[in-house]
Amino acid sequence: MDELVHLAKSIDLPEKEAKPALELRTFEEAVDVDWVRSRHLGINAVPTFLIDNQAVVRAQPYEVLEEFLRNCGAQKRKNPDES
């Protein structure tokens, strides 16, 4: 558990909140629901990006994710600060 608390601190989550949540298993039900849903969808690796039955599995270069999103119909947002 110390490693998980250390990991939480490394991403700026307060130790005084992370440690009790881990000890009390505060999010156990939500995690279990996610596991069941992931198995149902056939997800067995992290990270997995899933859109419309298309998936990119495991860590991939930025270009692979960009192409995946483009192929799924995503459009680049326009920056409101640009003219």
PDB file of N, CA and C in Angstrom:
ATOM      1  N   MET A   1       0.816  -1.193   0.000  1.00  0.00           N
ATOM      2  CA  MET A   1       0.000   0.000   0.000  1.00  0.00           C
ATOM      3  C   MET A   1       0.860   1.257   0.000  1.00  0.00           C
ATOM      4  N   ASP A   2       2.033   1.180   0.603  1.00  0.00           N
ATOM      5  CA  ASP A   2       2.909   2.349   0.628  1.00  0.00           C
ATOM      6  C   ASP A   2       3.256   2.814  -0.783  1.00  0.00           C
ATOM      7  N   GLU A   3       3.412   1.861  -1.694  1.00  0.00           N
ATOM      8  CA  GLU A   3       3.716   2.228  -3.077  1.00  0.00           C
ATOM      9  C   GLU A   3       2.561   2.981  -3.709  1.00  0.00           C
ATOM     10  N   LEU A   4       1.327   2.579  -3.420  1.00  0.00           N
ATOM     11  CA  LEU A   4       0.166   3.274  -3.979  1.00  0.00           C
ATOM     12  C   LEU A   4       0.037   4.679  -3.402  1.00  0.00           C
ATOM     13  N   VAL A   5       0.307   4.824  -2.114  1.00  0.00           N
ATOM     14  CA  VAL A   5       0.277   6.157  -1.503  1.00  0.00           C
ATOM     15  C   VAL A   5       1.362   7.029  -2.132  1.00  0.00           C
ATOM     16  N   HIS A   6       2.544   6.463  -2.318  1.00  0.00           N
ATOM     17  CA  HIS A   6       3.638   7.201  -2.963  1.00  0.00           C
ATOM     18  C   HIS A   6       3.232   7.607  -4.377  1.00  0.00           C
ATOM     19  N   LEU A   7       2.599   6.698  -5.111  1.00  0.00           N
ATOM     20  CA  LEU A   7       2.137   7.007  -6.473  1.00  0.00           C
ATOM     21  C   LEU A   7       1.113   8.133  -6.452  1.00  0.00           C
ATOM     22  N   ALA A   8       0.190   8.078  -5.513  1.00  0.00           N
ATOM     23  CA  ALA A   8      -0.817   9.140  -5.386  1.00  0.00           C
ATOM     24  C   ALA A   8      -0.155  10.492  -5.131  1.00  0.00           C
ATOM     25  N   LYS A   9       0.821  10.498  -4.223  1.00  0.00           N
ATOM     26  CA  LYS A   9       1.538  11.749  -3.928  1.00  0.00           C
ATOM     27  C   LYS A   9       2.284  12.255  -5.166  1.00  0.00           C
ATOM     28  N   SER A  10       2.805  11.330  -5.979  1.00  0.00           N
ATOM     29  CA  SER A  10       3.586  11.739  -7.150  1.00  0.00           C
ATOM     30  C   SER A  10       2.735  12.448  -8.196  1.00  0.00           C
ATOM     31  N   ILE A  11       1.412  12.257  -8.136  1.00  0.00           N
ATOM     32  CA  ILE A  11       0.533  12.973  -9.065  1.00  0.00           C
ATOM     33  C   ILE A  11      -0.299  14.019  -8.318  1.00  0.00           C
ATOM     34  N   ASP A  12       0.260  14.469  -7.206  1.00  0.00           N
ATOM     35  CA  ASP A  12      -0.300  15.567  -6.413  1.00  0.00           C
ATOM     36  C   ASP A  12      -1.649  15.284  -5.770  1.00  0.00           C
ATOM     37  N   LEU A  13      -1.923  14.015  -5.475  1.00  0.00           N
ATOM     38  CA  LEU A  13      -3.105  13.711  -4.664  1.00  0.00           C
ATOM     39  C   LEU A  13      -2.670  13.765  -3.204  1.00  0.00           C
ATOM     40  N   PRO A  14      -3.466  14.393  -2.357  1.00  0.00           N
ATOM     41  CA  PRO A  14      -3.068  14.523  -0.951  1.00  0.00           C
ATOM     42  C   PRO A  14      -2.995  13.161  -0.256  1.00  0.00           C
ATOM     43  N   GLU A  15      -1.877  12.907   0.414  1.00  0.00           N
ATOM     44  CA  GLU A  15      -1.688  11.647   1.135  1.00  0.00           C
ATOM     45  C   GLU A  15      -2.789  11.440   2.174  1.00  0.00           C
ATOM     46  N   LYS A  16      -3.199  12.530   2.835  1.00  0.00           N
ATOM     47  CA  LYS A  16      -4.209  12.403   3.888  1.00  0.00           C
ATOM     48  C   LYS A  16      -5.568  11.969   3.335  1.00  0.00           C
ATOM     49  N   GLU A  17      -5.784  12.083   2.011  1.00  0.00           N
ATOM     50  CA  GLU A  17      -7.010  11.582   1.387  1.00  0.00           C
ATOM     51  C   GLU A  17      -6.783  10.222   0.725  1.00  0.00           C
ATOM     52  N   ALA A  18      -5.611  10.048   0.127  1.00  0.00           N
ATOM     53  CA  ALA A  18      -5.316   8.817  -0.603  1.00  0.00           C
ATOM     54  C   ALA A  18      -5.209   7.616   0.332  1.00  0.00           C
ATOM     55  N   LYS A  19      -4.492   7.773   1.423  1.00  0.00           N
ATOM     56  CA  LYS A  19      -4.255   6.638   2.323  1.00  0.00           C
ATOM     57  C   LYS A  19      -5.558   6.076   2.899  1.00  0.00           C
ATOM     58  N   PRO A  20      -6.453   6.915   3.446  1.00  0.00           N
ATOM     59  CA  PRO A  20      -7.718   6.364   3.954  1.00  0.00           C
ATOM     60  C   PRO A  20      -8.569   5.722   2.853  1.00  0.00           C
ATOM     61  N   ALA A  21      -8.566   6.308   1.666  1.00  0.00           N
ATOM     62  CA  ALA A  21      -9.348   5.727   0.563  1.00  0.00           C
ATOM     63  C   ALA A  21      -8.829   4.336   0.220  1.00  0.00           C
ATOM     64  N   LEU A  22      -7.513   4.162   0.257  1.00  0.00           N
ATOM     65  CA  LEU A  22      -6.928   2.851  -0.016  1.00  0.00           C
ATOM     66  C   LEU A  22      -7.202   1.870   1.129  1.00  0.00           C
ATOM     67  N   GLU A  23      -7.044   2.338   2.361  1.00  0.00           N
ATOM     68  CA  GLU A  23      -7.242   1.463   3.519  1.00  0.00           C
ATOM     69  C   GLU A  23      -8.706   1.029   3.642  1.00  0.00           C
ATOM     70  N   LEU A  24      -9.616   1.959   3.419  1.00  0.00           N
ATOM     71  CA  LEU A  24     -11.044   1.665   3.574  1.00  0.00           C
ATOM     72  C   LEU A  24     -11.667   1.097   2.292  1.00  0.00           C
ATOM     73  N   ARG A  25     -10.857   1.054   1.212  1.00  0.00           N
ATOM     74  CA  ARG A  25     -11.324   0.554  -0.077  1.00  0.00           C
ATOM     75  C   ARG A  25     -12.577   1.310  -0.523  1.00  0.00           C
ATOM     76  N   THR A  26     -12.505   2.630  -0.375  1.00  0.00           N
ATOM     77  CA  THR A  26     -13.631   3.521  -0.638  1.00  0.00           C
ATOM     78  C   THR A  26     -14.222   3.339  -2.034  1.00  0.00           C
ATOM     79  N   PHE A  27     -13.386   3.068  -3.010  1.00  0.00           N
ATOM     80  CA  PHE A  27     -13.851   2.994  -4.391  1.00  0.00           C
ATOM     81  C   PHE A  27     -13.914   1.557  -4.914  1.00  0.00           C
ATOM     82  N   GLU A  28     -13.945   0.592  -3.990  1.00  0.00           N
ATOM     83  CA  GLU A  28     -13.918  -0.823  -4.378  1.00  0.00           C
ATOM     84  C   GLU A  28     -15.072  -1.172  -5.325  1.00  0.00           C
ATOM     85  N   GLU A  29     -16.275  -0.735  -5.009  1.00  0.00           N
ATOM     86  CA  GLU A  29     -17.432  -1.076  -5.851  1.00  0.00           C
ATOM     87  C   GLU A  29     -17.289  -0.479  -7.250  1.00  0.00           C
ATOM     88  N   ALA A  30     -16.866   0.768  -7.337  1.00  0.00           N
ATOM     89  CA  ALA A  30     -16.705   1.413  -8.648  1.00  0.00           C
ATOM     90  C   ALA A  30     -15.617   0.720  -9.458  1.00  0.00           C
ATOM     91  N   VAL A  31     -14.543   0.317  -8.811  1.00  0.00           N
ATOM     92  CA  VAL A  31     -13.458  -0.393  -9.507  1.00  0.00           C
ATOM     93  C   VAL A  31     -13.957  -1.743 -10.001  1.00  0.00           C
ATOM     94  N   ASP A  32     -14.699  -2.454  -9.175  1.00  0.00           N
ATOM     95  CA  ASP A  32     -15.236  -3.754  -9.580  1.00  0.00           C
ATOM     96  C   ASP A  32     -16.167  -3.621 -10.778  1.00  0.00           C
ATOM     97  N   VAL A  33     -17.006  -2.598 -10.786  1.00  0.00           N
ATOM     98  CA  VAL A  33     -17.900  -2.350 -11.928  1.00  0.00           C
ATOM     99  C   VAL A  33     -17.077  -2.104 -13.191  1.00  0.00           C
ATOM    100  N   ASP A  34     -16.008  -1.318 -13.083  1.00  0.00           N
ATOM    101  CA  ASP A  34     -15.141  -1.061 -14.238  1.00  0.00           C
ATOM    102  C   ASP A  34     -14.487  -2.342 -14.743  1.00  0.00           C
ATOM    103  N   TRP A  35     -14.038  -3.208 -13.828  1.00  0.00           N
ATOM    104  CA  TRP A  35     -13.425  -4.480 -14.226  1.00  0.00           C
ATOM    105  C   TRP A  35     -14.414  -5.334 -15.008  1.00  0.00           C
ATOM    106  N   VAL A  36     -15.641  -5.435 -14.504  1.00  0.00           N
ATOM    107  CA  VAL A  36     -16.664  -6.245 -15.173  1.00  0.00           C
ATOM    108  C   VAL A  36     -16.956  -5.673 -16.557  1.00  0.00           C
ATOM    109  N   ARG A  37     -17.112  -4.372 -16.632  1.00  0.00           N
ATOM    110  CA  ARG A  37     -17.388  -3.731 -17.931  1.00  0.00           C
ATOM    111  C   ARG A  37     -16.232  -3.944 -18.895  1.00  0.00           C
ATOM    112  N   SER A  38     -15.013  -3.816 -18.415  1.00  0.00           N
ATOM    113  CA  SER A  38     -13.836  -4.017 -19.264  1.00  0.00           C
ATOM    114  C   SER A  38     -13.797  -5.444 -19.804  1.00  0.00           C
ATOM    115  N   ARG A  39     -14.035  -6.413 -18.945  1.00  0.00           N
ATOM    116  CA  ARG A  39     -14.045  -7.813 -19.408  1.00  0.00           C
ATOM    117  C   ARG A  39     -15.137  -8.027 -20.441  1.00  0.00           C
ATOM    118  N   HIS A  40     -16.298  -7.436 -20.220  1.00  0.00           N
ATOM    119  CA  HIS A  40     -17.414  -7.557 -21.158  1.00  0.00           C
ATOM    120  C   HIS A  40     -17.053  -6.981 -22.531  1.00  0.00           C
ATOM    121  N   LEU A  41     -16.281  -5.909 -22.531  1.00  0.00           N
ATOM    122  CA  LEU A  41     -15.865  -5.271 -23.786  1.00  0.00           C
ATOM    123  C   LEU A  41     -14.633  -5.932 -24.402  1.00  0.00           C
ATOM    124  N   GLY A  42     -14.063  -6.903 -23.706  1.00  0.00           N
ATOM    125  CA  GLY A  42     -12.887  -7.593 -24.223  1.00  0.00           C
ATOM    126  C   GLY A  42     -11.585  -6.862 -23.975  1.00  0.00           C
ATOM    127  N   ILE A  43     -11.618  -5.892 -23.087  1.00  0.00           N
ATOM    128  CA  ILE A  43     -10.410  -5.123 -22.769  1.00  0.00           C
ATOM    129  C   ILE A  43      -9.571  -5.925 -21.789  1.00  0.00           C
ATOM    130  N   ASN A  44      -8.311  -6.161 -22.153  1.00  0.00           N
ATOM    131  CA  ASN A  44      -7.435  -6.925 -21.266  1.00  0.00           C
ATOM    132  C   ASN A  44      -6.032  -6.330 -21.185  1.00  0.00           C
ATOM    133  N   ALA A  45      -5.896  -5.070 -21.590  1.00  0.00           N
ATOM    134  CA  ALA A  45      -4.601  -4.398 -21.517  1.00  0.00           C
ATOM    135  C   ALA A  45      -4.830  -2.918 -21.203  1.00  0.00           C
ATOM    136  N   VAL A  46      -3.825  -2.323 -20.612  1.00  0.00           N
ATOM    137  CA  VAL A  46      -3.901  -0.911 -20.239  1.00  0.00           C
ATOM    138  C   VAL A  46      -2.718  -0.187 -20.860  1.00  0.00           C
ATOM    139  N   PRO A  47      -2.923   0.945 -21.476  1.00  0.00           N
ATOM    140  CA  PRO A  47      -4.216   1.558 -21.742  1.00  0.00           C
ATOM    141  C   PRO A  47      -4.889   0.927 -22.959  1.00  0.00           C
ATOM    142  N   THR A  48      -6.203   1.047 -23.004  1.00  0.00           N
ATOM    143  CA  THR A  48      -6.987   0.688 -24.182  1.00  0.00           C
ATOM    144  C   THR A  48      -7.906   1.855 -24.476  1.00  0.00           C
ATOM    145  N   PHE A  49      -7.884   2.307 -25.712  1.00  0.00           N
ATOM    146  CA  PHE A  49      -8.768   3.367 -26.179  1.00  0.00           C
ATOM    147  C   PHE A  49      -9.792   2.694 -27.084  1.00  0.00           C
ATOM    148  N   LEU A  50     -11.081   2.837 -26.782  1.00  0.00           N
ATOM    149  CA  LEU A  50     -12.136   2.153 -27.509  1.00  0.00           C
ATOM    150  C   LEU A  50     -13.170   3.161 -27.984  1.00  0.00           C
ATOM    151  N   ILE A  51     -13.392   3.189 -29.294  1.00  0.00           N
ATOM    152  CA  ILE A  51     -14.401   4.062 -29.887  1.00  0.00           C
ATOM    153  C   ILE A  51     -15.106   3.267 -30.974  1.00  0.00           C
ATOM    154  N   ASP A  52     -16.436   3.170 -30.882  1.00  0.00           N
ATOM    155  CA  ASP A  52     -17.236   2.494 -31.914  1.00  0.00           C
ATOM    156  C   ASP A  52     -16.657   1.148 -32.330  1.00  0.00           C
ATOM    157  N   ASN A  53     -16.376   0.306 -31.371  1.00  0.00           N
ATOM    158  CA  ASN A  53     -15.849  -1.048 -31.611  1.00  0.00           C
ATOM    159  C   ASN A  53     -14.483  -1.081 -32.278  1.00  0.00           C
ATOM    160  N   GLN A  54     -13.793   0.033 -32.314  1.00  0.00           N
ATOM    161  CA  GLN A  54     -12.413   0.071 -32.775  1.00  0.00           C
ATOM    162  C   GLN A  54     -11.552   0.356 -31.541  1.00  0.00           C
ATOM    163  N   ALA A  55     -10.372  -0.243 -31.521  1.00  0.00           N
ATOM    164  CA  ALA A  55      -9.547  -0.085 -30.333  1.00  0.00           C
ATOM    165  C   ALA A  55      -8.078   0.112 -30.684  1.00  0.00           C
ATOM    166  N   VAL A  56      -7.416   0.864 -29.829  1.00  0.00           N
ATOM    167  CA  VAL A  56      -5.961   0.948 -29.823  1.00  0.00           C
ATOM    168  C   VAL A  56      -5.554   0.417 -28.461  1.00  0.00           C
ATOM    169  N   VAL A  57      -4.711  -0.603 -28.474  1.00  0.00           N
ATOM    170  CA  VAL A  57      -4.362  -1.308 -27.248  1.00  0.00           C
ATOM    171  C   VAL A  57      -2.896  -1.080 -26.917  1.00  0.00           C
ATOM    172  N   ARG A  58      -2.642  -0.869 -25.646  1.00  0.00           N
ATOM    173  CA  ARG A  58      -1.314  -0.628 -25.082  1.00  0.00           C
ATOM    174  C   ARG A  58      -0.795   0.757 -25.497  1.00  0.00           C
ATOM    175  N   ALA A  59       0.291   1.157 -24.886  1.00  0.00           N
ATOM    176  CA  ALA A  59       0.885   2.464 -25.173  1.00  0.00           C
ATOM    177  C   ALA A  59       1.302   2.527 -26.639  1.00  0.00           C
ATOM    178  N   GLN A  60       0.951   3.614 -27.282  1.00  0.00           N
ATOM    179  CA  GLN A  60       1.234   3.800 -28.703  1.00  0.00           C
ATOM    180  C   GLN A  60       1.796   5.202 -28.918  1.00  0.00           C
ATOM    181  N   PRO A  61       2.530   5.391 -30.000  1.00  0.00           N
ATOM    182  CA  PRO A  61       3.007   6.736 -30.318  1.00  0.00           C
ATOM    183  C   PRO A  61       1.832   7.684 -30.576  1.00  0.00           C
ATOM    184  N   TYR A  62       2.077   8.939 -30.367  1.00  0.00           N
ATOM    185  CA  TYR A  62       1.066   9.976 -30.566  1.00  0.00           C
ATOM    186  C   TYR A  62       0.423   9.859 -31.938  1.00  0.00           C
ATOM    187  N   GLU A  63       1.239   9.601 -32.962  1.00  0.00           N
ATOM    188  CA  GLU A  63       0.735   9.550 -34.335  1.00  0.00           C
ATOM    189  C   GLU A  63      -0.300   8.427 -34.508  1.00  0.00           C
ATOM    190  N   VAL A  64      -0.107   7.316 -33.823  1.00  0.00           N
ATOM    191  CA  VAL A  64      -1.056   6.206 -33.907  1.00  0.00           C
ATOM    192  C   VAL A  64      -2.388   6.619 -33.282  1.00  0.00           C
ATOM    193  N   LEU A  65      -2.336   7.278 -32.137  1.00  0.00           N
ATOM    194  CA  LEU A  65      -3.563   7.747 -31.490  1.00  0.00           C
ATOM    195  C   LEU A  65      -4.259   8.808 -32.332  1.00  0.00           C
ATOM    196  N   GLU A  66      -3.484   9.694 -32.924  1.00  0.00           N
ATOM    197  CA  GLU A  66      -4.059  10.740 -33.772  1.00  0.00           C
ATOM    198  C   GLU A  66      -4.780  10.121 -34.972  1.00  0.00           C
ATOM    199  N   GLU A  67      -4.151   9.147 -35.613  1.00  0.00           N
ATOM    200  CA  GLU A  67      -4.772   8.475 -36.758  1.00  0.00           C
ATOM    201  C   GLU A  67      -6.032   7.722 -36.331  1.00  0.00           C
ATOM    202  N   PHE A  68      -5.956   7.058 -35.185  1.00  0.00           N
ATOM    203  CA  PHE A  68      -7.109   6.341 -34.648  1.00  0.00           C
ATOM    204  C   PHE A  68      -8.292   7.288 -34.477  1.00  0.00           C
ATOM    205  N   LEU A  69      -8.053   8.419 -33.862  1.00  0.00           N
ATOM    206  CA  LEU A  69      -9.125   9.394 -33.642  1.00  0.00           C
ATOM    207  C   LEU A  69      -9.672   9.924 -34.956  1.00  0.00           C
ATOM    208  N   ARG A  70      -8.790  10.214 -35.886  1.00  0.00           N
ATOM    209  CA  ARG A  70      -9.217  10.699 -37.204  1.00  0.00           C
ATOM    210  C   ARG A  70     -10.096   9.648 -37.894  1.00  0.00           C
ATOM    211  N   ASN A  71      -9.661   8.375 -37.843  1.00  0.00           N
ATOM    212  CA  ASN A  71     -10.427   7.295 -38.469  1.00  0.00           C
ATOM    213  C   ASN A  71     -11.786   7.089 -37.810  1.00  0.00           C
ATOM    214  N   CYS A  72     -11.916   7.495 -36.562  1.00  0.00           N
ATOM    215  CA  CYS A  72     -13.187   7.386 -35.841  1.00  0.00           C
ATOM    216  C   CYS A  72     -14.050   8.631 -36.023  1.00  0.00           C
ATOM    217  N   GLY A  73     -13.587   9.581 -36.815  1.00  0.00           N
ATOM    218  CA  GLY A  73     -14.389  10.766 -37.115  1.00  0.00           C
ATOM    219  C   GLY A  73     -14.140  11.968 -36.233  1.00  0.00           C
ATOM    220  N   ALA A  74     -13.155  11.903 -35.366  1.00  0.00           N
ATOM    221  CA  ALA A  74     -12.868  13.054 -34.504  1.00  0.00           C
ATOM    222  C   ALA A  74     -12.280  14.185 -35.339  1.00  0.00           C
ATOM    223  N   GLN A  75     -12.621  15.393 -34.966  1.00  0.00           N
ATOM    224  CA  GLN A  75     -12.088  16.567 -35.648  1.00  0.00           C
ATOM    225  C   GLN A  75     -11.313  17.409 -34.654  1.00  0.00           C
ATOM    226  N   LYS A  76     -10.242  17.987 -35.137  1.00  0.00           N
ATOM    227  CA  LYS A  76      -9.409  18.826 -34.292  1.00  0.00           C
ATOM    228  C   LYS A  76     -10.200  20.068 -33.874  1.00  0.00           C
ATOM    229  N   ARG A  77     -10.121  20.371 -32.591  1.00  0.00           N
ATOM    230  CA  ARG A  77     -10.787  21.582 -32.090  1.00  0.00           C
ATOM    231  C   ARG A  77     -10.010  22.805 -32.521  1.00  0.00           C
ATOM    232  N   LYS A  78     -10.731  23.863 -32.760  1.00  0.00           N
ATOM    233  CA  LYS A  78     -10.092  25.135 -33.082  1.00  0.00           C
ATOM    234  C   LYS A  78      -9.800  25.850 -31.784  1.00  0.00           C
ATOM    235  N   ASN A  79      -8.613  26.418 -31.697  1.00  0.00           N
ATOM    236  CA  ASN A  79      -8.238  27.181 -30.519  1.00  0.00           C
ATOM    237  C   ASN A  79      -8.968  28.511 -30.557  1.00  0.00           C
ATOM    238  N   PRO A  80      -9.782  28.818 -29.540  1.00  0.00           N
ATOM    239  CA  PRO A  80     -10.538  30.080 -29.551  1.00  0.00           C
ATOM    240  C   PRO A  80      -9.649  31.319 -29.509  1.00  0.00           C
ATOM    241  N   ASP A  81      -8.381  31.136 -29.097  1.00  0.00           N
ATOM    242  CA  ASP A  81      -7.463  32.277 -29.034  1.00  0.00           C
ATOM    243  C   ASP A  81      -6.858  32.605 -30.394  1.00  0.00           C
ATOM    244  N   GLU A  82      -6.964  31.653 -31.343  1.00  0.00           N
ATOM    245  CA  GLU A  82      -6.395  31.910 -32.671  1.00  0.00           C
ATOM    246  C   GLU A  82      -7.423  32.625 -33.539  1.00  0.00           C
ATOM    247  N   SER A  83      -6.933  33.496 -34.374  1.00  0.00           N
ATOM    248  CA  SER A  83      -7.858  34.243 -35.259  1.00  0.00           C
ATOM    249  C   SER A  83      -7.996  33.553 -36.574  1.00  0.00           C
TER     250      SER A  83
END
